[in-house]
């Protein structure tokens, strides 16, 4: 701790743990981890002189937070903070955000400076050592990395950590983790409500953690660069269940795909080719669903792969249309057999607005030569709206919930 009149200094990580442990002996302590997210990018684009200046400014911002805080430097862009006097973890996150906002408002740097921040409350009546609480703060910081919002460690963060650990055990030669499976949701004709297609969806019920939200584990799999394995297992599940799906009336089967898998994983592209060749005797199309935003990252490479596979019989669906930031002009250049209109367009809160936006989607599909699938149909009214705007298919719990097919 600094005495009045002394200059606050950065501690080493080891000294930080010792001093924070002293604070914890009598009081709960807030522990934060702070990472300058885009410091390497600034170094690469604008030079290390600019990057070094940023490090100095962040250090100064941290040291000026409060003279009673302990501040450590773990690496040039990673810092620890410990304090007793603040009882509100969100208050500390707000102070850190205010500090970086002030730096950005000065417009010293050619791009916005962004931080990843995580906070936890170290309990003085717990037997856990200080490193345990620092690790919690680190996990919260990692969780904040994608959107830049500060995270307070809690049950969700702990679950993310455990899921990350499970995904980290996977390898190119392993099978799906225990409890991961694929289910199929009907896509029905708006005219007859007959199931003509099925979307392949991943579900995961871990024996210990229970049901895991797809948004959670799929995002983590993407962050950890293992989503390609989930994509491959999904395709293998389609192969395993193709006969049964066709018995249920399937004219097409869709599966979601990461554009990165399509570009980087040659073995996956080969597996798709083999699947297309093997199913030529069947009257059933394989459809890859990609979001327009994912295609936009490497459009030339993605479209080259898609066109090659389309020549073999593959079809393409643009998923979640209406939620991305891609321009209509760029959408016009994408290979597209099905345009899936996002459920948010159905549930705008204003029927007039929903109808108008869905009509725009249907008109765009006509220009692309694509058929329309409206997602999120949960009521008879939603189905009637999809019919009114001229959609070809609908998907949602009203017309069919996801189901599992047993191989036994």
Protein backbone atom coordinates (compact mmCIF):
# COMPACT_ATOMS: atom_id res chain seq x y z
CA UNK A 1 0.00 0.00 0.00
CA UNK A 2 1.24 3.49 -0.73
CA UNK A 3 1.55 6.06 2.02
CA UNK A 4 0.32 9.61 1.49
CA UNK A 5 2.80 11.59 -0.61
CA UNK A 6 4.46 8.51 -2.11
CA UNK A 7 4.28 7.76 -5.80
CA UNK A 8 2.14 4.79 -6.72
CA UNK A 9 4.16 2.15 -8.57
CA UNK A 10 3.50 -1.02 -10.51
CA UNK A 11 4.12 -4.26 -8.65
CA UNK A 12 5.45 -7.50 -10.03
CA UNK A 13 2.93 -10.33 -10.17
CA UNK A 14 4.62 -12.06 -7.21
CA UNK A 15 4.61 -8.93 -5.07
CA UNK A 16 0.98 -8.30 -6.04
CA UNK A 17 -0.06 -11.73 -4.76
CA UNK A 18 1.72 -11.17 -1.46
CA UNK A 19 0.25 -7.70 -0.85
CA UNK A 20 -3.24 -8.72 -1.97
CA UNK A 21 -3.10 -11.70 0.40
CA UNK A 22 -2.44 -9.28 3.25
CA UNK A 23 -5.55 -7.31 2.31
CA UNK A 24 -7.58 -10.50 2.14
CA UNK A 25 -6.69 -11.49 5.71
CA UNK A 26 -9.31 -9.11 7.12
CA UNK A 27 -11.59 -7.97 4.28
CA UNK A 28 -13.09 -9.08 0.98
CA UNK A 29 -11.02 -7.79 -1.92
CA UNK A 30 -11.97 -6.95 -5.48
CA UNK A 31 -9.56 -8.48 -7.97
CA UNK A 32 -9.51 -7.36 -11.60
CA UNK A 33 -7.54 -8.38 -14.66
CA UNK A 34 -7.12 -5.88 -17.48
CA UNK A 35 -5.85 -6.65 -20.99
CA UNK A 36 -5.16 -4.09 -23.73
CA UNK A 37 -6.95 -6.04 -26.44
CA UNK A 38 -5.70 -4.33 -29.57
CA UNK A 39 -2.20 -3.33 -28.48
CA UNK A 40 -0.57 -5.94 -30.80
CA UNK A 41 -2.68 -4.66 -33.68
CA UNK A 42 -1.63 -1.08 -32.96
CA UNK A 43 2.00 -2.21 -32.86
CA UNK A 44 1.64 -3.97 -36.22
CA UNK A 45 -0.17 -1.15 -38.01
CA UNK A 46 1.36 1.97 -36.47
CA UNK A 47 4.67 0.86 -35.00
CA UNK A 48 5.99 -0.03 -31.56
CA UNK A 49 6.54 3.62 -30.64
CA UNK A 50 2.78 4.17 -30.72
CA UNK A 51 2.21 0.84 -28.96
CA UNK A 52 4.69 1.72 -26.20
CA UNK A 53 3.04 5.09 -25.67
CA UNK A 54 -0.32 3.34 -25.32
CA UNK A 55 1.12 1.01 -22.67
CA UNK A 56 2.38 4.02 -20.71
CA UNK A 57 -1.01 5.74 -20.91
CA UNK A 58 -2.87 2.63 -19.73
CA UNK A 59 -0.42 2.22 -16.86
CA UNK A 60 -0.93 5.83 -15.86
CA UNK A 61 -4.71 5.42 -16.06
CA UNK A 62 -4.55 2.40 -13.74
CA UNK A 63 -2.24 4.10 -11.26
CA UNK A 64 -4.58 7.08 -11.08
CA UNK A 65 -7.68 5.00 -10.31
CA UNK A 66 -7.15 5.20 -6.54
CA UNK A 67 -4.02 5.51 -4.41
CA UNK A 68 -5.14 2.61 -2.23
CA UNK A 69 -5.26 0.19 -5.17
CA UNK A 70 -2.60 -2.42 -5.81
CA UNK A 71 -1.61 -2.50 -9.48
CA UNK A 72 0.55 -5.22 -11.03
CA UNK A 73 2.04 -5.65 -14.47
CA UNK A 74 1.92 -9.25 -15.66
CA UNK A 75 3.06 -8.44 -19.19
CA UNK A 76 3.27 -5.22 -21.24
CA UNK A 77 -0.44 -5.43 -22.07
CA UNK A 78 -1.81 -7.39 -19.07
CA UNK A 79 -2.42 -5.95 -15.57
CA UNK A 80 -3.88 -6.87 -12.21
CA UNK A 81 -5.83 -4.64 -9.83
CA UNK A 82 -6.74 -5.25 -6.18
CA UNK A 83 -8.74 -3.02 -3.84
CA UNK A 84 -10.64 -3.22 -0.56
CA UNK A 85 -12.70 -0.09 -0.48
CA UNK A 86 -15.06 -0.78 -3.39
CA UNK A 87 -17.86 -3.19 -2.60
CA UNK A 88 -19.38 -3.04 -6.10
CA UNK A 89 -17.53 -5.06 -8.79
CA UNK A 90 -19.45 -3.30 -11.54
CA UNK A 91 -18.25 0.02 -10.14
CA UNK A 92 -14.66 -1.02 -10.72
CA UNK A 93 -15.49 -2.12 -14.28
CA UNK A 94 -17.17 1.25 -14.87
CA UNK A 95 -14.10 3.08 -13.58
CA UNK A 96 -11.87 1.11 -15.95
CA UNK A 97 -14.19 1.84 -18.84
CA UNK A 98 -14.25 5.53 -17.98
CA UNK A 99 -10.46 5.55 -17.95
CA UNK A 100 -10.10 4.06 -21.43
CA UNK A 101 -12.95 6.27 -22.72
CA UNK A 102 -10.95 9.30 -21.62
CA UNK A 103 -7.92 8.05 -23.55
CA UNK A 104 -10.06 7.51 -26.65
CA UNK A 105 -11.66 10.95 -26.34
CA UNK A 106 -8.20 12.51 -26.46
CA UNK A 107 -7.90 11.10 -30.02
CA UNK A 108 -4.19 10.52 -29.51
CA UNK A 109 -4.35 7.11 -31.14
CA UNK A 110 -5.37 6.37 -34.74
CA UNK A 111 -7.84 3.70 -33.61
CA UNK A 112 -10.05 3.15 -30.58
CA UNK A 113 -8.25 1.51 -27.67
CA UNK A 114 -10.18 -1.49 -26.31
CA UNK A 115 -9.79 -3.40 -23.05
CA UNK A 116 -10.87 -6.83 -21.87
CA UNK A 117 -11.67 -6.63 -18.16
CA UNK A 118 -12.79 -9.17 -15.60
CA UNK A 119 -13.52 -8.80 -11.89
CA UNK A 120 -14.15 -11.20 -9.02
CA UNK A 121 -14.75 -10.80 -5.28
CA UNK A 122 -12.10 -12.57 -3.19
CA UNK A 123 -13.71 -13.75 0.05
CA UNK A 124 -11.61 -13.25 3.17
CA UNK A 125 -13.35 -16.10 5.01
CA UNK A 126 -12.51 -18.60 2.27
CA UNK A 127 -9.50 -20.94 2.52
CA UNK A 128 -8.65 -20.32 -1.12
CA UNK A 129 -5.30 -18.60 -1.80
CA UNK A 130 -5.06 -15.32 -3.67
CA UNK A 131 -3.99 -17.08 -6.88
CA UNK A 132 -7.40 -18.77 -6.96
CA UNK A 133 -9.15 -15.40 -7.08
CA UNK A 134 -6.72 -14.03 -9.64
CA UNK A 135 -7.51 -17.03 -11.82
CA UNK A 136 -11.23 -16.27 -11.49
CA UNK A 137 -10.65 -12.68 -12.55
CA UNK A 138 -8.64 -13.97 -15.49
CA UNK A 139 -11.49 -16.23 -16.59
CA UNK A 140 -13.90 -13.30 -16.38
CA UNK A 141 -11.48 -11.24 -18.48
CA UNK A 142 -11.32 -13.97 -21.12
CA UNK A 143 -15.12 -14.04 -21.21
CA UNK A 144 -15.17 -10.32 -21.90
CA UNK A 145 -12.78 -10.64 -24.80
CA UNK A 146 -15.28 -11.00 -27.63
CA UNK A 147 -17.42 -7.91 -27.08
CA UNK A 148 -15.15 -5.82 -24.88
CA UNK A 149 -17.69 -5.44 -22.07
CA UNK A 150 -16.35 -6.04 -18.59
CA UNK A 151 -17.46 -9.26 -16.89
CA UNK A 152 -17.99 -10.04 -13.22
CA UNK A 153 -17.10 -13.64 -12.41
CA UNK A 154 -20.17 -15.73 -11.62
CA UNK A 155 -21.90 -19.00 -12.41
CA UNK A 156 -22.01 -18.29 -16.16
CA UNK A 157 -18.31 -17.46 -16.24
CA UNK A 158 -17.51 -20.62 -14.32
CA UNK A 159 -19.58 -22.67 -16.75
CA UNK A 160 -17.80 -21.06 -19.69
CA UNK A 161 -14.51 -21.99 -18.10
CA UNK A 162 -15.55 -25.63 -17.70
CA UNK A 163 -16.89 -25.82 -21.25
CA UNK A 164 -13.66 -24.28 -22.51
CA UNK A 165 -11.76 -26.98 -20.62
CA UNK A 166 -13.89 -29.74 -22.18
CA UNK A 167 -13.39 -28.34 -25.68
CA UNK A 168 -9.67 -28.02 -25.01
CA UNK A 169 -9.44 -31.78 -24.62
CA UNK A 170 -10.64 -32.39 -28.18
CA UNK A 171 -8.30 -33.32 -30.99
CA UNK A 172 -8.55 -33.95 -34.69
CA UNK A 173 -8.74 -37.68 -33.97
CA UNK A 174 -11.33 -37.57 -31.16
CA UNK A 175 -15.06 -38.00 -31.44
CA UNK A 176 -17.71 -35.65 -30.05
CA UNK A 177 -17.52 -35.04 -26.28
CA UNK A 178 -19.88 -37.04 -24.10
CA UNK A 179 -23.47 -35.85 -24.42
CA UNK A 180 -23.00 -33.94 -27.71
CA UNK A 181 -25.48 -34.99 -30.37
CA UNK A 182 -27.29 -33.73 -33.45
CA UNK A 183 -31.04 -33.24 -33.81
CA UNK A 184 -33.18 -32.29 -36.78
CA UNK A 185 -35.83 -29.58 -37.03
CA UNK A 186 -38.49 -29.78 -39.75
CA UNK A 187 -38.68 -27.14 -42.46
CA UNK A 188 -42.22 -27.26 -43.82
CA UNK A 189 -44.02 -26.07 -46.92
CA UNK A 190 -46.17 -23.00 -46.33
CA UNK A 191 -48.77 -24.45 -48.69
CA UNK A 192 -49.15 -27.95 -47.25
CA UNK A 193 -47.25 -27.80 -43.90
CA UNK A 194 -45.55 -31.01 -45.07
CA UNK A 195 -41.97 -31.50 -43.86
CA UNK A 196 -39.79 -31.19 -46.94
CA UNK A 197 -36.51 -30.24 -45.29
CA UNK A 198 -34.66 -30.64 -42.00
CA UNK A 199 -32.06 -28.44 -40.33
CA UNK A 200 -29.24 -30.22 -38.48
CA UNK A 201 -28.71 -28.68 -35.03
CA UNK A 202 -26.06 -29.44 -32.40
CA UNK A 203 -27.14 -30.08 -28.81
CA UNK A 204 -24.93 -30.87 -25.83
CA UNK A 205 -26.01 -32.32 -22.49
CA UNK A 206 -22.87 -32.80 -20.42
CA UNK A 207 -23.15 -35.46 -17.65
CA UNK A 208 -21.99 -32.95 -15.04
CA UNK A 209 -22.86 -29.50 -16.41
CA UNK A 210 -26.24 -30.48 -17.84
CA UNK A 211 -27.77 -28.81 -20.91
CA UNK A 212 -25.39 -26.31 -22.49
CA UNK A 213 -26.68 -23.45 -24.63
CA UNK A 214 -25.59 -23.78 -28.29
CA UNK A 215 -24.70 -20.08 -28.39
CA UNK A 216 -22.24 -20.73 -25.54
CA UNK A 217 -20.34 -23.77 -26.76
CA UNK A 218 -20.43 -22.94 -30.48
CA UNK A 219 -18.99 -19.49 -29.82
CA UNK A 220 -16.29 -20.96 -27.59
CA UNK A 221 -15.51 -23.61 -30.21
CA UNK A 222 -15.06 -20.84 -32.77
CA UNK A 223 -12.84 -18.82 -30.43
CA UNK A 224 -10.70 -21.90 -29.71
CA UNK A 225 -10.48 -22.82 -33.41
CA UNK A 226 -12.12 -26.24 -32.96
CA UNK A 227 -15.43 -25.44 -34.64
CA UNK A 228 -14.23 -27.31 -37.75
CA UNK A 229 -14.53 -30.58 -35.80
CA UNK A 230 -18.12 -29.82 -34.81
CA UNK A 231 -18.85 -29.02 -38.46
CA UNK A 232 -17.39 -32.36 -39.51
CA UNK A 233 -19.33 -34.31 -36.88
CA UNK A 234 -22.54 -32.60 -38.03
CA UNK A 235 -21.94 -33.74 -41.60
CA UNK A 236 -21.23 -37.28 -40.40
CA UNK A 237 -24.50 -37.22 -38.45
CA UNK A 238 -26.35 -36.29 -41.65
CA UNK A 239 -24.71 -39.23 -43.39
CA UNK A 240 -25.74 -41.58 -40.57
CA UNK A 241 -29.38 -40.43 -40.58
CA UNK A 242 -29.94 -39.75 -44.27
CA UNK A 243 -32.11 -42.81 -44.91
CA UNK A 244 -34.41 -42.07 -41.97
CA UNK A 245 -34.73 -38.40 -42.90
CA UNK A 246 -35.69 -39.32 -46.44
CA UNK A 247 -38.34 -41.68 -45.07
CA UNK A 248 -39.73 -38.64 -43.26
CA UNK A 249 -40.05 -36.76 -46.54
CA UNK A 250 -36.74 -34.85 -46.76
CA UNK A 251 -36.11 -33.17 -50.09
CA UNK A 252 -33.23 -31.19 -48.60
CA UNK A 253 -31.16 -31.29 -45.41
CA UNK A 254 -29.34 -28.22 -44.12
CA UNK A 255 -26.43 -27.87 -41.73
CA UNK A 256 -24.74 -24.77 -40.38
CA UNK A 257 -21.15 -24.27 -41.38
CA UNK A 258 -18.32 -21.95 -40.42
CA UNK A 259 -16.91 -20.18 -43.45
CA UNK A 260 -13.46 -20.70 -41.90
CA UNK A 261 -13.97 -24.48 -42.06
CA UNK A 262 -14.91 -24.23 -45.71
CA UNK A 263 -11.78 -22.25 -46.53
CA UNK A 264 -9.17 -23.85 -44.26
CA UNK A 265 -10.18 -27.48 -43.78
CA UNK A 266 -9.41 -29.46 -46.94
CA UNK A 267 -10.50 -32.71 -45.30
CA UNK A 268 -13.96 -31.26 -44.65
CA UNK A 269 -14.36 -30.17 -48.27
CA UNK A 270 -13.30 -33.67 -49.34
CA UNK A 271 -15.88 -35.18 -46.98
CA UNK A 272 -18.60 -32.97 -48.49
CA UNK A 273 -17.56 -34.07 -51.98
CA UNK A 274 -17.72 -37.72 -50.95
CA UNK A 275 -21.13 -37.19 -49.38
CA UNK A 276 -22.46 -35.51 -52.51
CA UNK A 277 -21.13 -38.32 -54.70
CA UNK A 278 -22.58 -41.00 -52.42
CA UNK A 279 -26.07 -39.47 -52.34
CA UNK A 280 -26.50 -38.84 -56.06
CA UNK A 281 -28.93 -41.76 -56.25
CA UNK A 282 -31.19 -40.02 -53.72
CA UNK A 283 -33.58 -37.18 -54.48
CA UNK A 284 -32.34 -35.15 -51.54
CA UNK A 285 -30.14 -32.05 -51.56
CA UNK A 286 -27.42 -31.19 -49.05
CA UNK A 287 -27.60 -27.50 -48.13
CA UNK A 288 -24.87 -25.57 -46.31
CA UNK A 289 -26.09 -22.66 -44.19
CA UNK A 290 -23.71 -19.71 -43.84
CA UNK A 291 -24.38 -16.23 -42.53
CA UNK A 292 -23.72 -13.35 -44.90
CA UNK A 293 -21.34 -11.80 -42.34
CA UNK A 294 -19.22 -14.98 -42.13
CA UNK A 295 -18.90 -15.15 -45.91
CA UNK A 296 -17.87 -11.51 -46.04
CA UNK A 297 -14.61 -12.16 -44.15
CA UNK A 298 -13.00 -14.06 -47.07
CA UNK A 299 -15.58 -13.75 -49.84
CA UNK A 300 -13.43 -14.78 -52.79
CA UNK A 301 -12.13 -17.98 -51.18
CA UNK A 302 -15.50 -18.92 -49.72
CA UNK A 303 -17.38 -18.35 -52.96
CA UNK A 304 -14.79 -20.30 -54.96
CA UNK A 305 -15.27 -23.32 -52.69
CA UNK A 306 -19.06 -22.98 -52.75
CA UNK A 307 -19.21 -22.76 -56.53
CA UNK A 308 -17.01 -25.85 -56.90
CA UNK A 309 -19.24 -27.80 -54.52
CA UNK A 310 -22.41 -26.48 -56.14
CA UNK A 311 -21.17 -27.98 -59.39
CA UNK A 312 -21.31 -31.34 -57.59
CA UNK A 313 -24.88 -30.76 -56.43
CA UNK A 314 -24.45 -28.83 -53.18
CA UNK A 315 -26.91 -26.05 -52.40
CA UNK A 316 -26.34 -22.94 -50.29
CA UNK A 317 -28.54 -21.12 -47.80
CA UNK A 318 -27.82 -17.63 -46.50
CA UNK A 319 -28.79 -17.86 -42.81
CA UNK A 320 -30.11 -15.22 -40.40
CA UNK A 321 -30.75 -12.68 -43.15
CA UNK A 322 -31.77 -9.40 -41.57
CA UNK A 323 -29.32 -9.51 -38.67
CA UNK A 324 -25.96 -8.97 -40.39
CA UNK A 325 -24.19 -5.80 -41.47
CA UNK A 326 -23.51 -6.87 -45.05
CA UNK A 327 -24.79 -4.55 -47.78
CA UNK A 328 -27.51 -5.61 -50.20
CA UNK A 329 -25.03 -5.18 -53.03
CA UNK A 330 -22.68 -7.77 -51.56
CA UNK A 331 -25.58 -10.16 -50.88
CA UNK A 332 -26.37 -9.98 -54.59
CA UNK A 333 -23.00 -11.52 -55.39
CA UNK A 334 -23.35 -14.54 -53.10
CA UNK A 335 -24.32 -18.01 -54.34
CA UNK A 336 -27.74 -18.59 -52.84
CA UNK A 337 -30.39 -21.28 -53.28
CA UNK A 338 -32.28 -20.54 -50.05
CA UNK A 339 -32.61 -17.26 -48.17
CA UNK A 340 -33.45 -17.78 -44.48
CA UNK A 341 -35.21 -14.74 -43.01
CA UNK A 342 -34.32 -14.30 -39.35
CA UNK A 343 -36.98 -14.78 -36.66
CA UNK A 344 -36.47 -11.19 -35.48
CA UNK A 345 -38.21 -10.01 -38.67
CA UNK A 346 -41.33 -11.98 -37.68
CA UNK A 347 -41.38 -10.60 -34.14
CA UNK A 348 -40.81 -6.87 -34.69
CA UNK A 349 -43.65 -5.85 -32.38
CA UNK A 350 -45.39 -4.16 -35.30
CA UNK A 351 -47.19 -6.42 -37.77
CA UNK A 352 -46.91 -3.78 -40.47
CA UNK A 353 -43.15 -3.54 -39.97
CA UNK A 354 -42.74 -7.35 -39.92
CA UNK A 355 -44.77 -7.73 -43.09
CA UNK A 356 -42.83 -5.00 -44.87
CA UNK A 357 -39.41 -6.38 -43.96
CA UNK A 358 -40.39 -9.94 -44.85
CA UNK A 359 -41.65 -8.70 -48.23
CA UNK A 360 -38.26 -7.08 -48.85
CA UNK A 361 -36.57 -10.41 -48.06
CA UNK A 362 -38.91 -12.29 -50.41
CA UNK A 363 -38.26 -9.77 -53.20
CA UNK A 364 -34.50 -10.09 -52.73
CA UNK A 365 -34.79 -13.88 -52.88
CA UNK A 366 -36.66 -13.58 -56.18
CA UNK A 367 -33.82 -11.49 -57.59
CA UNK A 368 -31.30 -14.09 -56.40
CA UNK A 369 -33.33 -16.98 -57.77
CA UNK A 370 -33.61 -18.39 -54.24
CA UNK A 371 -36.43 -19.87 -52.20
CA UNK A 372 -37.42 -18.28 -48.87
CA UNK A 373 -37.43 -19.97 -45.46
CA UNK A 374 -38.95 -17.90 -42.64
CA UNK A 375 -37.50 -18.79 -39.23
CA UNK A 376 -39.10 -18.40 -35.81
CA UNK A 377 -42.67 -19.37 -36.72
CA UNK A 378 -44.20 -19.99 -33.30
CA UNK A 379 -47.94 -19.39 -33.86
CA UNK A 380 -50.68 -19.80 -36.46
CA UNK A 381 -50.48 -16.03 -36.93
CA UNK A 382 -46.76 -16.26 -37.78
CA UNK A 383 -47.51 -18.99 -40.33
CA UNK A 384 -50.27 -16.89 -41.88
CA UNK A 385 -47.86 -13.93 -42.16
CA UNK A 386 -45.24 -16.08 -43.91
CA UNK A 387 -47.89 -17.30 -46.36
CA UNK A 388 -49.09 -13.74 -46.97
CA UNK A 389 -45.65 -12.46 -48.02
CA UNK A 390 -45.09 -15.45 -50.31
CA UNK A 391 -42.48 -17.45 -48.40
CA UNK A 392 -41.92 -20.99 -49.65
CA UNK A 393 -41.05 -22.61 -46.31
CA UNK A 394 -41.27 -21.95 -42.59
CA UNK A 395 -39.39 -23.27 -39.58
CA UNK A 396 -40.22 -23.00 -35.88
CA UNK A 397 -41.75 -24.75 -32.91
CA UNK A 398 -45.28 -24.25 -34.24
CA UNK A 399 -44.60 -26.41 -37.30
CA UNK A 400 -42.07 -28.83 -35.82
CA UNK A 401 -39.70 -29.10 -32.88
CA UNK A 402 -36.19 -30.57 -33.17
CA UNK A 403 -36.12 -34.36 -32.74
CA UNK A 404 -33.42 -36.93 -32.24
CA UNK A 405 -32.98 -40.08 -34.35
CA UNK A 406 -31.66 -43.18 -32.65
CA UNK A 407 -29.27 -45.40 -34.57
CA UNK A 408 -30.38 -48.47 -32.58
